[in-house]
C-alpha atoms as a PDB file:
ATOM      1  CA  UNK A   1     -47.430  -5.073  47.981  1.00  0.00           C
ATOM      2  CA  UNK A   2     -48.291  -3.798  44.503  1.00  0.00           C
ATOM      3  CA  UNK A   3     -50.545  -5.855  42.311  1.00  0.00           C
ATOM      4  CA  UNK A   4     -50.670  -5.464  38.515  1.00  0.00           C
ATOM      5  CA  UNK A   5     -53.215  -7.013  36.271  1.00  0.00           C
ATOM      6  CA  UNK A   6     -52.378  -8.106  32.736  1.00  0.00           C
ATOM      7  CA  UNK A   7     -53.724  -4.893  31.227  1.00  0.00           C
ATOM      8  CA  UNK A   8     -51.487  -2.733  33.418  1.00  0.00           C
ATOM      9  CA  UNK A   9     -48.422  -4.845  32.600  1.00  0.00           C
ATOM     10  CA  UNK A  10     -49.078  -4.481  28.871  1.00  0.00           C
ATOM     11  CA  UNK A  11     -49.475  -0.724  29.212  1.00  0.00           C
ATOM     12  CA  UNK A  12     -46.230  -0.507  31.189  1.00  0.00           C
ATOM     13  CA  UNK A  13     -44.366  -2.573  28.599  1.00  0.00           C
ATOM     14  CA  UNK A  14     -45.748  -0.374  25.826  1.00  0.00           C
ATOM     15  CA  UNK A  15     -44.572   2.772  27.621  1.00  0.00           C
ATOM     16  CA  UNK A  16     -41.110   1.292  28.221  1.00  0.00           C
ATOM     17  CA  UNK A  17     -40.839   0.214  24.578  1.00  0.00           C
ATOM     18  CA  UNK A  18     -41.926   3.651  23.366  1.00  0.00           C
ATOM     19  CA  UNK A  19     -39.484   5.389  25.709  1.00  0.00           C
ATOM     20  CA  UNK A  20     -36.609   3.136  24.587  1.00  0.00           C
ATOM     21  CA  UNK A  21     -37.486   3.785  20.962  1.00  0.00           C
ATOM     22  CA  UNK A  22     -37.489   7.554  21.525  1.00  0.00           C
ATOM     23  CA  UNK A  23     -34.129   7.407  23.316  1.00  0.00           C
ATOM     24  CA  UNK A  24     -32.626   5.337  20.477  1.00  0.00           C
ATOM     25  CA  UNK A  25     -34.041   7.689  17.860  1.00  0.00           C
ATOM     26  CA  UNK A  26     -32.659  10.732  19.673  1.00  0.00           C
ATOM     27  CA  UNK A  27     -29.247   9.072  19.917  1.00  0.00           C
ATOM     28  CA  UNK A  28     -29.299   8.361  16.179  1.00  0.00           C
ATOM     29  CA  UNK A  29     -30.351  11.928  15.411  1.00  0.00           C
ATOM     30  CA  UNK A  30     -27.506  13.226  17.543  1.00  0.00           C
ATOM     31  CA  UNK A  31     -25.071  10.856  15.869  1.00  0.00           C
ATOM     32  CA  UNK A  32     -26.239  12.033  12.441  1.00  0.00           C
ATOM     33  CA  UNK A  33     -25.751  15.660  13.480  1.00  0.00           C
ATOM     34  CA  UNK A  34     -22.224  14.887  14.681  1.00  0.00           C
ATOM     35  CA  UNK A  35     -21.504  13.075  11.430  1.00  0.00           C
ATOM     36  CA  UNK A  36     -22.791  16.050   9.414  1.00  0.00           C
ATOM     37  CA  UNK A  37     -20.527  18.407  11.331  1.00  0.00           C
ATOM     38  CA  UNK A  38     -17.506  16.133  10.937  1.00  0.00           C
ATOM     39  CA  UNK A  39     -17.944  15.835   7.173  1.00  0.00           C
ATOM     40  CA  UNK A  40     -19.223  19.357   6.501  1.00  0.00           C
ATOM     41  CA  UNK A  41     -22.616  18.141   5.296  1.00  0.00           C
ATOM     42  CA  UNK A  42     -25.717  20.300   4.877  1.00  0.00           C
ATOM     43  CA  UNK A  43     -29.054  19.723   3.163  1.00  0.00           C
ATOM     44  CA  UNK A  44     -31.303  22.012   1.151  1.00  0.00           C
ATOM     45  CA  UNK A  45     -34.409  21.492   3.313  1.00  0.00           C
ATOM     46  CA  UNK A  46     -35.934  19.449   6.144  1.00  0.00           C
ATOM     47  CA  UNK A  47     -37.346  16.830   3.767  1.00  0.00           C
ATOM     48  CA  UNK A  48     -33.929  16.144   2.265  1.00  0.00           C
ATOM     49  CA  UNK A  49     -32.378  15.995   5.719  1.00  0.00           C
ATOM     50  CA  UNK A  50     -34.970  13.446   6.848  1.00  0.00           C
ATOM     51  CA  UNK A  51     -34.364  11.360   3.731  1.00  0.00           C
ATOM     52  CA  UNK A  52     -30.603  11.376   4.344  1.00  0.00           C
ATOM     53  CA  UNK A  53     -31.098  10.553   8.016  1.00  0.00           C
ATOM     54  CA  UNK A  54     -33.119   7.463   7.122  1.00  0.00           C
ATOM     55  CA  UNK A  55     -30.379   6.313   4.710  1.00  0.00           C
ATOM     56  CA  UNK A  56     -27.765   7.027   7.387  1.00  0.00           C
ATOM     57  CA  UNK A  57     -29.750   4.910   9.863  1.00  0.00           C
ATOM     58  CA  UNK A  58     -30.074   2.011   7.405  1.00  0.00           C
ATOM     59  CA  UNK A  59     -26.368   2.100   6.609  1.00  0.00           C
ATOM     60  CA  UNK A  60     -25.493   2.163  10.306  1.00  0.00           C
ATOM     61  CA  UNK A  61     -27.695  -0.883  10.913  1.00  0.00           C
ATOM     62  CA  UNK A  62     -25.995  -2.692   8.003  1.00  0.00           C
ATOM     63  CA  UNK A  63     -22.522  -1.851   9.326  1.00  0.00           C
ATOM     64  CA  UNK A  64     -23.306  -2.987  12.870  1.00  0.00           C
ATOM     65  CA  UNK A  65     -24.898  -6.209  11.634  1.00  0.00           C
ATOM     66  CA  UNK A  66     -21.955  -6.931   9.316  1.00  0.00           C
ATOM     67  CA  UNK A  67     -19.387  -6.340  12.046  1.00  0.00           C
ATOM     68  CA  UNK A  68     -21.357  -8.396  14.567  1.00  0.00           C
ATOM     69  CA  UNK A  69     -21.226 -11.416  12.240  1.00  0.00           C
ATOM     70  CA  UNK A  70     -17.430 -11.192  12.457  1.00  0.00           C
ATOM     71  CA  UNK A  71     -16.707 -13.782   9.778  1.00  0.00           C
ATOM     72  CA  UNK A  72     -15.453 -11.700   6.852  1.00  0.00           C
ATOM     73  CA  UNK A  73     -11.961 -10.697   7.943  1.00  0.00           C
ATOM     74  CA  UNK A  74     -12.766  -7.006   7.565  1.00  0.00           C
ATOM     75  CA  UNK A  75     -14.427  -4.276   9.601  1.00  0.00           C
ATOM     76  CA  UNK A  76     -16.779  -1.585   8.384  1.00  0.00           C
ATOM     77  CA  UNK A  77     -17.372   1.889   9.779  1.00  0.00           C
ATOM     78  CA  UNK A  78     -19.357   5.049   9.120  1.00  0.00           C
ATOM     79  CA  UNK A  79     -17.538   7.332   6.686  1.00  0.00           C
ATOM     80  CA  UNK A  80     -18.270  10.170   4.265  1.00  0.00           C
ATOM     81  CA  UNK A  81     -20.580   7.924   2.207  1.00  0.00           C
ATOM     82  CA  UNK A  82     -22.935   7.179   5.118  1.00  0.00           C
ATOM     83  CA  UNK A  83     -25.890   9.215   3.807  1.00  0.00           C
ATOM     84  CA  UNK A  84     -25.757   7.650   0.336  1.00  0.00           C
ATOM     85  CA  UNK A  85     -27.514   4.536  -0.871  1.00  0.00           C
ATOM     86  CA  UNK A  86     -25.248   2.023  -2.566  1.00  0.00           C
ATOM     87  CA  UNK A  87     -26.665   3.043  -5.946  1.00  0.00           C
ATOM     88  CA  UNK A  88     -25.893   6.713  -5.263  1.00  0.00           C
ATOM     89  CA  UNK A  89     -22.409   5.784  -4.099  1.00  0.00           C
ATOM     90  CA  UNK A  90     -21.735   3.870  -7.312  1.00  0.00           C
ATOM     91  CA  UNK A  91     -23.067   6.729  -9.455  1.00  0.00           C
ATOM     92  CA  UNK A  92     -20.926   9.440  -7.822  1.00  0.00           C
ATOM     93  CA  UNK A  93     -17.706   7.742  -6.700  1.00  0.00           C
ATOM     94  CA  UNK A  94     -16.981   4.943  -9.147  1.00  0.00           C
ATOM     95  CA  UNK A  95     -15.673   4.803 -12.680  1.00  0.00           C
ATOM     96  CA  UNK A  96     -18.449   3.067 -14.589  1.00  0.00           C
ATOM     97  CA  UNK A  97     -18.434  -0.501 -15.819  1.00  0.00           C
ATOM     98  CA  UNK A  98     -15.068  -1.592 -17.199  1.00  0.00           C
ATOM     99  CA  UNK A  99     -14.962  -4.235 -19.893  1.00  0.00           C
ATOM    100  CA  UNK A 100     -12.553  -7.062 -19.093  1.00  0.00           C
ATOM    101  CA  UNK A 101     -10.197  -8.195 -21.831  1.00  0.00           C
ATOM    102  CA  UNK A 102     -11.633 -10.469 -24.489  1.00  0.00           C
ATOM    103  CA  UNK A 103      -9.926 -13.752 -25.376  1.00  0.00           C
ATOM    104  CA  UNK A 104      -8.419 -12.071 -28.447  1.00  0.00           C
ATOM    105  CA  UNK A 105      -7.118  -9.129 -26.399  1.00  0.00           C
ATOM    106  CA  UNK A 106      -5.710 -11.469 -23.759  1.00  0.00           C
ATOM    107  CA  UNK A 107      -3.898 -13.467 -26.434  1.00  0.00           C
ATOM    108  CA  UNK A 108      -2.456 -10.239 -27.865  1.00  0.00           C
ATOM    109  CA  UNK A 109      -1.407  -9.089 -24.400  1.00  0.00           C
ATOM    110  CA  UNK A 110       0.426 -12.340 -23.769  1.00  0.00           C
ATOM    111  CA  UNK A 111       2.482 -11.693 -26.908  1.00  0.00           C
ATOM    112  CA  UNK A 112       3.468  -8.220 -25.707  1.00  0.00           C
ATOM    113  CA  UNK A 113       6.662  -7.573 -23.816  1.00  0.00           C
ATOM    114  CA  UNK A 114       6.373  -7.989 -20.061  1.00  0.00           C
ATOM    115  CA  UNK A 115       9.626  -6.571 -18.812  1.00  0.00           C
ATOM    116  CA  UNK A 116       9.451  -8.331 -15.466  1.00  0.00           C
ATOM    117  CA  UNK A 117       8.830 -11.811 -16.868  1.00  0.00           C
ATOM    118  CA  UNK A 118      12.260 -13.141 -15.893  1.00  0.00           C
ATOM    119  CA  UNK A 119      12.542 -11.342 -12.554  1.00  0.00           C
ATOM    120  CA  UNK A 120      13.583 -13.754  -9.797  1.00  0.00           C
ATOM    121  CA  UNK A 121      14.558 -11.342  -7.017  1.00  0.00           C
ATOM    122  CA  UNK A 122      11.147 -10.693  -5.490  1.00  0.00           C
ATOM    123  CA  UNK A 123      11.201  -9.442  -1.862  1.00  0.00           C
ATOM    124  CA  UNK A 124       8.898 -11.108   0.654  1.00  0.00           C
ATOM    125  CA  UNK A 125       7.208  -7.743   1.191  1.00  0.00           C
ATOM    126  CA  UNK A 126       7.164  -4.345  -0.472  1.00  0.00           C
ATOM    127  CA  UNK A 127       5.797  -0.957   0.521  1.00  0.00           C
ATOM    128  CA  UNK A 128       6.529   1.806  -1.968  1.00  0.00           C
ATOM    129  CA  UNK A 129       5.435   4.359   0.626  1.00  0.00           C
ATOM    130  CA  UNK A 130       8.489   3.483   2.708  1.00  0.00           C
ATOM    131  CA  UNK A 131      10.670   3.906  -0.374  1.00  0.00           C
ATOM    132  CA  UNK A 132       9.375   7.418  -0.991  1.00  0.00           C
ATOM    133  CA  UNK A 133       7.462   6.631  -4.191  1.00  0.00           C
ATOM    134  CA  UNK A 134       3.902   7.345  -3.004  1.00  0.00           C
ATOM    135  CA  UNK A 135       2.318  10.757  -2.471  1.00  0.00           C
ATOM    136  CA  UNK A 136      -0.238  11.319   0.332  1.00  0.00           C
ATOM    137  CA  UNK A 137      -3.792  10.050  -0.149  1.00  0.00           C
ATOM    138  CA  UNK A 138      -5.928  12.248  -2.397  1.00  0.00           C
ATOM    139  CA  UNK A 139      -9.700  12.586  -2.778  1.00  0.00           C
ATOM    140  CA  UNK A 140     -11.553  12.500  -6.080  1.00  0.00           C
ATOM    141  CA  UNK A 141     -14.815  13.647  -4.384  1.00  0.00           C
ATOM    142  CA  UNK A 142     -18.064  13.303  -6.362  1.00  0.00           C
ATOM    143  CA  UNK A 143     -16.333  12.832  -9.702  1.00  0.00           C
ATOM    144  CA  UNK A 144     -15.708   9.545 -11.516  1.00  0.00           C
ATOM    145  CA  UNK A 145     -12.043  10.408 -12.021  1.00  0.00           C
ATOM    146  CA  UNK A 146     -10.453   7.449 -10.238  1.00  0.00           C
ATOM    147  CA  UNK A 147      -8.871   6.424 -13.569  1.00  0.00           C
ATOM    148  CA  UNK A 148      -6.900   9.695 -13.491  1.00  0.00           C
ATOM    149  CA  UNK A 149      -5.854   9.234  -9.855  1.00  0.00           C
ATOM    150  CA  UNK A 150      -4.641   5.675 -10.468  1.00  0.00           C
ATOM    151  CA  UNK A 151      -2.705   6.738 -13.562  1.00  0.00           C
ATOM    152  CA  UNK A 152      -1.121   9.603 -11.657  1.00  0.00           C
ATOM    153  CA  UNK A 153      -0.200   7.413  -8.654  1.00  0.00           C
ATOM    154  CA  UNK A 154       1.512   4.872 -10.909  1.00  0.00           C
ATOM    155  CA  UNK A 155       3.294   7.656 -12.813  1.00  0.00           C
ATOM    156  CA  UNK A 156       4.364   9.410  -9.613  1.00  0.00           C
ATOM    157  CA  UNK A 157       5.837   6.097  -8.511  1.00  0.00           C
ATOM    158  CA  UNK A 158       7.925   5.366 -11.598  1.00  0.00           C
ATOM    159  CA  UNK A 159       9.011   9.003 -11.789  1.00  0.00           C
ATOM    160  CA  UNK A 160      10.373   8.841  -8.229  1.00  0.00           C
ATOM    161  CA  UNK A 161      12.022   5.475  -8.822  1.00  0.00           C
ATOM    162  CA  UNK A 162      13.856   6.725 -11.903  1.00  0.00           C
ATOM    163  CA  UNK A 163      14.649  10.312 -10.857  1.00  0.00           C
ATOM    164  CA  UNK A 164      14.726  10.157  -7.055  1.00  0.00           C
ATOM    165  CA  UNK A 165      12.153  12.981  -6.853  1.00  0.00           C
ATOM    166  CA  UNK A 166       8.602  12.476  -5.581  1.00  0.00           C
ATOM    167  CA  UNK A 167       6.368  15.027  -7.299  1.00  0.00           C
ATOM    168  CA  UNK A 168       2.587  15.221  -6.910  1.00  0.00           C
ATOM    169  CA  UNK A 169       1.170  15.172 -10.443  1.00  0.00           C
ATOM    170  CA  UNK A 170      -2.021  16.637 -11.887  1.00  0.00           C
ATOM    171  CA  UNK A 171      -5.170  14.541 -12.072  1.00  0.00           C
ATOM    172  CA  UNK A 172      -7.095  17.591 -13.280  1.00  0.00           C
ATOM    173  CA  UNK A 173      -4.989  17.827 -16.436  1.00  0.00           C
ATOM    174  CA  UNK A 174      -6.061  14.291 -17.313  1.00  0.00           C
ATOM    175  CA  UNK A 175      -9.708  14.994 -16.395  1.00  0.00           C
ATOM    176  CA  UNK A 176      -9.770  18.091 -18.604  1.00  0.00           C
ATOM    177  CA  UNK A 177      -7.590  16.989 -21.503  1.00  0.00           C
ATOM    178  CA  UNK A 178      -8.004  13.231 -22.090  1.00  0.00           C
ATOM    179  CA  UNK A 179     -10.938  12.704 -24.451  1.00  0.00           C
ATOM    180  CA  UNK A 180     -11.624   9.433 -26.248  1.00  0.00           C
ATOM    181  CA  UNK A 181     -14.733   7.437 -27.064  1.00  0.00           C
ATOM    182  CA  UNK A 182     -14.460   5.760 -23.641  1.00  0.00           C
ATOM    183  CA  UNK A 183     -12.717   8.316 -21.416  1.00  0.00           C
ATOM    184  CA  UNK A 184     -14.435  11.537 -20.491  1.00  0.00           C
ATOM    185  CA  UNK A 185     -13.452  13.257 -17.248  1.00  0.00           C
ATOM    186  CA  UNK A 186     -15.795  12.811 -14.313  1.00  0.00           C
ATOM    187  CA  UNK A 187     -17.909  10.412 -16.369  1.00  0.00           C
ATOM    188  CA  UNK A 188     -15.218   7.746 -16.109  1.00  0.00           C
ATOM    189  CA  UNK A 189     -12.286   6.581 -18.135  1.00  0.00           C
ATOM    190  CA  UNK A 190      -9.366   4.236 -18.681  1.00  0.00           C
ATOM    191  CA  UNK A 191      -5.808   4.434 -17.405  1.00  0.00           C
ATOM    192  CA  UNK A 192      -4.542   3.270 -20.802  1.00  0.00           C
ATOM    193  CA  UNK A 193      -5.950   6.392 -22.470  1.00  0.00           C
ATOM    194  CA  UNK A 194      -4.327   8.561 -19.812  1.00  0.00           C
ATOM    195  CA  UNK A 195      -0.913   6.937 -20.312  1.00  0.00           C
ATOM    196  CA  UNK A 196      -1.186   7.495 -24.061  1.00  0.00           C
ATOM    197  CA  UNK A 197      -2.056  11.163 -23.522  1.00  0.00           C
ATOM    198  CA  UNK A 198       0.991  11.690 -21.296  1.00  0.00           C
ATOM    199  CA  UNK A 199       3.255  10.032 -23.868  1.00  0.00           C
ATOM    200  CA  UNK A 200       1.845  11.987 -26.806  1.00  0.00           C
ATOM    201  CA  UNK A 201       1.992  15.313 -24.954  1.00  0.00           C
ATOM    202  CA  UNK A 202       5.489  14.678 -23.715  1.00  0.00           C
ATOM    203  CA  UNK A 203       4.742  14.695 -20.001  1.00  0.00           C
ATOM    204  CA  UNK A 204       2.299  15.760 -17.306  1.00  0.00           C
ATOM    205  CA  UNK A 205       2.047  18.889 -15.165  1.00  0.00           C
ATOM    206  CA  UNK A 206       2.360  18.861 -11.399  1.00  0.00           C
ATOM    207  CA  UNK A 207      -0.489  19.254  -8.924  1.00  0.00           C
ATOM    208  CA  UNK A 208       0.599  22.742  -7.894  1.00  0.00           C
ATOM    209  CA  UNK A 209       0.521  24.054 -11.468  1.00  0.00           C
ATOM    210  CA  UNK A 210      -2.761  22.392 -12.518  1.00  0.00           C
ATOM    211  CA  UNK A 211      -4.849  21.914  -9.377  1.00  0.00           C
ATOM    212  CA  UNK A 212      -7.706  19.478  -8.912  1.00  0.00           C
ATOM    213  CA  UNK A 213     -11.170  21.101  -9.210  1.00  0.00           C
ATOM    214  CA  UNK A 214     -13.432  18.065  -8.616  1.00  0.00           C
ATOM    215  CA  UNK A 215     -15.361  18.769 -11.863  1.00  0.00           C
ATOM    216  CA  UNK A 216     -14.831  18.573 -15.603  1.00  0.00           C
ATOM    217  CA  UNK A 217     -13.129  21.597 -17.088  1.00  0.00           C
ATOM    218  CA  UNK A 218     -11.830  22.850 -20.401  1.00  0.00           C
ATOM    219  CA  UNK A 219      -8.282  21.712 -21.147  1.00  0.00           C
ATOM    220  CA  UNK A 220      -6.006  24.553 -20.063  1.00  0.00           C
ATOM    221  CA  UNK A 221      -3.350  24.598 -22.785  1.00  0.00           C
ATOM    222  CA  UNK A 222      -1.114  27.001 -20.880  1.00  0.00           C
ATOM    223  CA  UNK A 223      -1.085  24.900 -17.703  1.00  0.00           C
ATOM    224  CA  UNK A 224      -0.889  21.666 -19.654  1.00  0.00           C
ATOM    225  CA  UNK A 225       2.223  22.859 -21.481  1.00  0.00           C
ATOM    226  CA  UNK A 226       4.096  22.738 -18.182  1.00  0.00           C
ATOM    227  CA  UNK A 227       5.501  19.221 -17.638  1.00  0.00           C
ATOM    228  CA  UNK A 228       7.496  17.751 -14.759  1.00  0.00           C
ATOM    229  CA  UNK A 229       7.271  13.999 -15.371  1.00  0.00           C
ATOM    230  CA  UNK A 230       7.516  11.935 -18.550  1.00  0.00           C
ATOM    231  CA  UNK A 231       6.846   8.331 -19.512  1.00  0.00           C
ATOM    232  CA  UNK A 232       7.738   6.409 -22.667  1.00  0.00           C
ATOM    233  CA  UNK A 233       4.612   4.290 -22.662  1.00  0.00           C
ATOM    234  CA  UNK A 234       2.875   1.611 -20.647  1.00  0.00           C
ATOM    235  CA  UNK A 235       2.655  -2.152 -20.441  1.00  0.00           C
ATOM    236  CA  UNK A 236      -0.016  -4.576 -19.321  1.00  0.00           C
ATOM    237  CA  UNK A 237       0.713  -7.309 -16.795  1.00  0.00           C
ATOM    238  CA  UNK A 238      -0.357 -10.735 -18.169  1.00  0.00           C
ATOM    239  CA  UNK A 239      -4.052 -11.039 -17.337  1.00  0.00           C
ATOM    240  CA  UNK A 240      -5.286 -13.149 -14.425  1.00  0.00           C
ATOM    241  CA  UNK A 241      -1.777 -13.886 -13.192  1.00  0.00           C
ATOM    242  CA  UNK A 242      -0.989 -12.859  -9.621  1.00  0.00           C
ATOM    243  CA  UNK A 243       2.546 -14.233  -9.872  1.00  0.00           C
ATOM    244  CA  UNK A 244       3.260 -11.862 -12.746  1.00  0.00           C
ATOM    245  CA  UNK A 245       1.533  -9.046 -10.890  1.00  0.00           C
ATOM    246  CA  UNK A 246       3.789  -9.669  -7.890  1.00  0.00           C
ATOM    247  CA  UNK A 247       6.872  -9.289 -10.072  1.00  0.00           C
ATOM    248  CA  UNK A 248       5.574  -5.985 -11.396  1.00  0.00           C
ATOM    249  CA  UNK A 249       4.654  -4.537  -7.992  1.00  0.00           C
ATOM    250  CA  UNK A 250       8.040  -5.579  -6.636  1.00  0.00           C
ATOM    251  CA  UNK A 251       9.476  -3.076  -9.118  1.00  0.00           C
ATOM    252  CA  UNK A 252       6.909  -0.244  -9.239  1.00  0.00           C
ATOM    253  CA  UNK A 253       3.336   0.760  -8.318  1.00  0.00           C
ATOM    254  CA  UNK A 254       0.741  -0.731 -10.679  1.00  0.00           C
ATOM    255  CA  UNK A 255      -2.701   0.602 -11.644  1.00  0.00           C
ATOM    256  CA  UNK A 256      -5.541  -1.943 -11.440  1.00  0.00           C
ATOM    257  CA  UNK A 257      -9.241  -2.034 -12.209  1.00  0.00           C
ATOM    258  CA  UNK A 258     -11.346  -3.510  -9.412  1.00  0.00           C
ATOM    259  CA  UNK A 259     -14.946  -4.276  -8.557  1.00  0.00           C
ATOM    260  CA  UNK A 260     -15.946  -1.994  -5.692  1.00  0.00           C
ATOM    261  CA  UNK A 261     -19.674  -1.478  -5.938  1.00  0.00           C
ATOM    262  CA  UNK A 262     -20.724  -3.807  -3.119  1.00  0.00           C
ATOM    263  CA  UNK A 263     -22.083  -2.183   0.041  1.00  0.00           C
ATOM    264  CA  UNK A 264     -19.352  -3.651   2.262  1.00  0.00           C
ATOM    265  CA  UNK A 265     -16.670  -1.981   0.130  1.00  0.00           C
ATOM    266  CA  UNK A 266     -18.442   1.357   0.508  1.00  0.00           C
ATOM    267  CA  UNK A 267     -17.825   1.240   4.278  1.00  0.00           C
ATOM    268  CA  UNK A 268     -14.585  -0.756   4.453  1.00  0.00           C
ATOM    269  CA  UNK A 269     -12.366   0.470   7.284  1.00  0.00           C
ATOM    270  CA  UNK A 270      -9.790  -2.241   8.065  1.00  0.00           C
ATOM    271  CA  UNK A 271      -8.761  -5.846   7.559  1.00  0.00           C
ATOM    272  CA  UNK A 272      -8.033  -7.885   4.443  1.00  0.00           C
ATOM    273  CA  UNK A 273     -10.735  -7.963   1.780  1.00  0.00           C
ATOM    274  CA  UNK A 274     -11.583 -11.454   0.611  1.00  0.00           C
ATOM    275  CA  UNK A 275     -14.641 -12.112  -1.504  1.00  0.00           C
ATOM    276  CA  UNK A 276     -16.730  -9.036  -0.725  1.00  0.00           C
ATOM    277  CA  UNK A 277     -16.759  -7.417  -4.152  1.00  0.00           C
ATOM    278  CA  UNK A 278     -17.044  -9.774  -7.136  1.00  0.00           C
ATOM    279  CA  UNK A 279     -15.370  -9.106 -10.514  1.00  0.00           C
ATOM    280  CA  UNK A 280     -17.607  -6.495 -12.178  1.00  0.00           C
ATOM    281  CA  UNK A 281     -14.866  -3.924 -12.700  1.00  0.00           C
ATOM    282  CA  UNK A 282     -16.030  -0.385 -11.945  1.00  0.00           C
ATOM    283  CA  UNK A 283     -13.183   1.439 -10.182  1.00  0.00           C
ATOM    284  CA  UNK A 284      -9.463   2.107 -10.657  1.00  0.00           C
ATOM    285  CA  UNK A 285      -6.858   2.040  -7.886  1.00  0.00           C
ATOM    286  CA  UNK A 286      -3.107   1.547  -7.532  1.00  0.00           C
ATOM    287  CA  UNK A 287      -1.264  -1.344  -5.894  1.00  0.00           C
ATOM    288  CA  UNK A 288       1.643   0.195  -3.975  1.00  0.00           C
ATOM    289  CA  UNK A 289       2.911  -2.855  -2.139  1.00  0.00           C
ATOM    290  CA  UNK A 290       2.244  -6.289  -0.698  1.00  0.00           C
ATOM    291  CA  UNK A 291       2.966  -8.290   2.425  1.00  0.00           C
ATOM    292  CA  UNK A 292       1.776 -10.898   4.912  1.00  0.00           C
ATOM    293  CA  UNK A 293      -0.070 -10.186   8.168  1.00  0.00           C
ATOM    294  CA  UNK A 294       0.605 -11.749  11.582  1.00  0.00           C
ATOM    295  CA  UNK A 295      -1.808 -14.601  10.814  1.00  0.00           C
ATOM    296  CA  UNK A 296       0.103 -15.526   7.660  1.00  0.00           C
ATOM    297  CA  UNK A 297      -2.488 -14.069   5.258  1.00  0.00           C
ATOM    298  CA  UNK A 298      -0.893 -12.594   2.132  1.00  0.00           C
ATOM    299  CA  UNK A 299      -2.241  -9.275   0.898  1.00  0.00           C
ATOM    300  CA  UNK A 300      -1.913  -6.512  -1.676  1.00  0.00           C
ATOM    301  CA  UNK A 301      -1.611  -2.923  -0.395  1.00  0.00           C
ATOM    302  CA  UNK A 302      -3.867  -0.657  -2.450  1.00  0.00           C
ATOM    303  CA  UNK A 303      -3.949   3.131  -2.602  1.00  0.00           C
ATOM    304  CA  UNK A 304      -7.450   4.510  -3.154  1.00  0.00           C
ATOM    305  CA  UNK A 305      -8.633   8.019  -4.029  1.00  0.00           C
ATOM    306  CA  UNK A 306     -11.475   8.572  -1.549  1.00  0.00           C
ATOM    307  CA  UNK A 307      -9.595  10.551   1.085  1.00  0.00           C
ATOM    308  CA  UNK A 308      -8.186   9.425   4.419  1.00  0.00           C
ATOM    309  CA  UNK A 309     -11.546   8.798   6.122  1.00  0.00           C
ATOM    310  CA  UNK A 310     -12.195   5.716   3.999  1.00  0.00           C
ATOM    311  CA  UNK A 311     -10.396   2.441   4.706  1.00  0.00           C
ATOM    312  CA  UNK A 312      -7.088   2.330   6.556  1.00  0.00           C
ATOM    313  CA  UNK A 313      -6.407   6.065   6.231  1.00  0.00           C
ATOM    314  CA  UNK A 314      -7.152   5.847   2.519  1.00  0.00           C
ATOM    315  CA  UNK A 315      -5.605   2.437   1.862  1.00  0.00           C
ATOM    316  CA  UNK A 316      -7.029  -1.080   1.626  1.00  0.00           C
ATOM    317  CA  UNK A 317      -5.621  -4.580   1.833  1.00  0.00           C
ATOM    318  CA  UNK A 318      -6.779  -7.275  -0.600  1.00  0.00           C
ATOM    319  CA  UNK A 319      -6.120 -10.962  -0.087  1.00  0.00           C
ATOM    320  CA  UNK A 320      -3.310 -12.204  -2.333  1.00  0.00           C
ATOM    321  CA  UNK A 321      -2.810 -15.547  -4.098  1.00  0.00           C
ATOM    322  CA  UNK A 322      -6.423 -16.671  -3.969  1.00  0.00           C
ATOM    323  CA  UNK A 323      -7.880 -19.596  -5.881  1.00  0.00           C
ATOM    324  CA  UNK A 324      -9.781 -17.425  -8.389  1.00  0.00           C
ATOM    325  CA  UNK A 325      -7.457 -16.439 -11.229  1.00  0.00           C
ATOM    326  CA  UNK A 326      -8.957 -12.937 -11.423  1.00  0.00           C
ATOM    327  CA  UNK A 327      -7.800 -12.086  -7.910  1.00  0.00           C
ATOM    328  CA  UNK A 328      -9.913 -10.478  -5.196  1.00  0.00           C
ATOM    329  CA  UNK A 329     -12.273  -7.901  -6.699  1.00  0.00           C
ATOM    330  CA  UNK A 330     -10.809  -8.726 -10.126  1.00  0.00           C
ATOM    331  CA  UNK A 331      -7.583  -6.818  -9.465  1.00  0.00           C
ATOM    332  CA  UNK A 332      -5.494  -9.263 -11.527  1.00  0.00           C
ATOM    333  CA  UNK A 333      -7.640  -8.921 -14.634  1.00  0.00           C
ATOM    334  CA  UNK A 334      -6.177  -5.784 -16.282  1.00  0.00           C
ATOM    335  CA  UNK A 335      -3.160  -4.386 -14.382  1.00  0.00           C
ATOM    336  CA  UNK A 336      -1.071  -1.713 -16.139  1.00  0.00           C
ATOM    337  CA  UNK A 337       2.067   0.247 -15.356  1.00  0.00           C
ATOM    338  CA  UNK A 338       3.889   3.152 -17.039  1.00  0.00           C
ATOM    339  CA  UNK A 339       7.428   2.792 -18.330  1.00  0.00           C
ATOM    340  CA  UNK A 340       9.969   5.594 -18.032  1.00  0.00           C
END
């Protein structure tokens, strides 16, 4: 028989706790190394690596805690943003704060032509990918150019619908060449300014001719002179009106501003987003369809520009027909689409 006094028991428990902690730490270090290899990450020195490891660890703890709660309707997972704080993520991957329409602007918008106002033939579901109007998922990287990607996705869609040809168009042309007092390359911008540029120039070049560089560049006049897709202008879907938005998406992909700065959105991997993001618009995406899941929950299908390792291989689902007029993440506030 072995006898232990209280002191020995405490020492044993301390040793076991320390050993468990070391094992857990080593597992996390190994997981971070694997993540670095998967995403091609490297750091300038040991101090930076330690800093990023601690952020990685905190994000992993947040993800596991969020998923364990299991009451949000979505799942989170480690992705390429795992070594960034939420503030860093917002600074490098979003589009800057977008101003929602004022009452005066909304009144003016309501007077504008909405070509789908009288549409009655609205399918129960729509997926423009299946109809050949959506190019593969792209990645804006550490550049606030989502406004360009959303504009391009919507333009690629209407170009395919009207011509029968799906052509990957140039985001870099918009990043380099669209300059207004509110749109400036990787520092953020507005889809409306991009549409107006394409109209004024008489078209947009394709991706192959004017490739994406991930950074601001000087407008290449020679490359920009090459055009493969044209639009006549753009229209705005009546604000805060998901019924009107449905009519538009039933006929073509639609660019939308959304609020995406919340930590859960940073690590979204699957499911239908409900109320996880608020309405502080700071990102631009493209609605490319809609449907209803097996549980009867209606959703919007959204194409993002953060590569295939975010979300459902680059896509996200947002709950549709919610009580709030702005829609989930504010997606119904300022939707726009190009006209061909």
